[in-house]
Each structure stands twice: as C-alpha cells, then as structure tokens.
Amino acid sequence: MELGGKVAIVTGAGSGIGRATALAFADAGCSVVVADIDDEGGNETVGLIHDAGGTAMFTRVDVTEPRSLEAMFEAAVAAYGGIDIVHNNAGLVSGEPLWPDITPETLLRVMSVNLGGVVVGTQMAIPYLRQRGGGAIVNTASMASLYPMVVDPIYSATKAGVTMFTRACAPLAEEGIRVNSVLPGLVNTALLPKSGDGERWADWAYAARDAMGMMEPSVVADAVLALCRDDTAVAREQVVGALPQVNDAQVNDAQVNDAQVNDAQVNDAQVNDAQVNDAQGADGDS
C-alpha cells in the first residue's frame, strides 16, 4: 500500500505509541484522524502534525462505547471522504493495587479497552474499508501476549487475546482487508508511571527495563507503517524489540522456542488449519 493520500485513524493517539504513529502517518502523506479520550493530548498531537505541515483532525473517542466508535468513523468520512487504515492502539495497564488486589471495576475497564476496543473497532471498521476496496488494520498487542505476566495477568491476557483475534481475521484478506498486529517490548510512554501509583513505575517495569531495555514510541510507529505498506502482511504478529530471556518456570512450562518467537509469520494456510509450526510462531508488549 502506498500511504500518500490515504486516510488513517489512530486510537490512543494523544500520547505514546499512538502519537508517534499518527505523526508518522502524517509524515508519509496520510490525512490522520487523531482519536483519544484525552482531549488535551489529542489536540496537542494534531497541533504537532499541523506544525510539521501535515493534515489531521481530532475526535474524542471512548473505545469501550460502540456509539463513540461509530461517531469516530463517521467523523473521518465527513472530513476526508473515507477510511483506508485503522490502528487500534488505545490501551491500559492495571496499575496499583496489583493482582490479585486489583478492583473488579479496573479489571473490567482494562479488558474493555485493551481487547474490547480492538475487537469492536475492527468489526466497525470493516464496512468503511470495504467501501474503499480494502485497507489495513494494525492492532497493538504486546510481548506480554507471549508470556504469563504474573503481576498483571489481565494485561497479558488481553494482549494475548489481541494476537489470537488478529490471527482469526486472516480471511478478511480475501476482501483486501489485511489485519496485523505489533508486539512491542517496553516502550517509553505515559503508561509506565500508570503501572505503579501514577507517578512511580511499578517494580516489574523497572525489572523489565533492566532485562530487555526500553524503546521509543517511534520505533513501534515504524513497524506499524511497515505492516501497512507490505501487501503480503496478513495476520502477521510483528515483534518490536528484543525478546526477554524467560525460563520454564516463568512461562509455566509453556515451550516457546526461538524459531516460534522470532519468525512470527502465520500464513493463511496455517491460520485456516489452526496449525502454527515451529518456524512461524507468535511474537509480542506495549
């Protein structure tokens, strides 16, 4: 896909990965719909795009509300005439108190944003992409989808759900709609303080930084755009960053070998047969 002249929607674009991706799409010549529940952050992203000579608009969205998502899509069509790309990126970490002392309300909110927002956002995007003869959807998953995250199991569970959902969307490629996911490691975003008490990182975040390093959001943005450009990318799980060294106890004896993790190539035949071989397993964090 040539990105120049396309229309891209990015959720969670008020900061972090979403902001970096929105800026990258604009730099590539896309008209960008910056969508976020944070009005201030979203408008700041639009300002940055305008300052760089790009085209963008802000629309407030709560990805847990179908009516809000519908209004987002309709705003994009009204402003730019259609939609070609959707980056379902909005996400949360649970924060403190950590599992299992987390509140049920927080559990439900994280599930609704991280997984529900991706599933419903994809489903609602499909008719708009069909009107354009196809398009690209990229979902933000995580390396946490590959390993049990014992301090925040709902985060790793929702991100694992995103990767499996993305695989299951492979048949949409027959209509020209390619659905892929990015699985970043630790990223320098505003989510890190929210992993703890809102100001201080959680202990696990510091440990993750020491074990695997930390990348800037622009690195993930580059991966998102690469998936959109690559017409052969279908149900691909693109790991971004270095995978951590995890022992058997940490993964509860789940055997994830290097070939399965590093290739992350899941082709149509493998998806349809529900068979993922050693050379083509899954990859994933945000």
Foldseek 3Di string as FASTA:
>chain_A
DQLAPAEEEFEPCLWFLNLLLQLVSQVSHYAYEQEYQDPVSSVVSCVVSVVVVGHYDYAYADLLDLVRLVVSQVVSCVVRNAHAEYELEDAAAQAPPWPPVGDPVSLVSRLSRLAVSLVSNVVVRVVRQLVVQEHEYEYEAAQLCVAQPPRGRSNNVSSVNVLLVQLLCQVCVVSHYAYEYEAEFAEPIQNQCRNYDSRHGDPVSVVSCVFFNYYYSNQVSVVVVVLRVDSQHHSAYHYGGDDGDDDCVRRVNDDQDPQQAVQRDQDPVCSVVVHADNNHHHYHRD
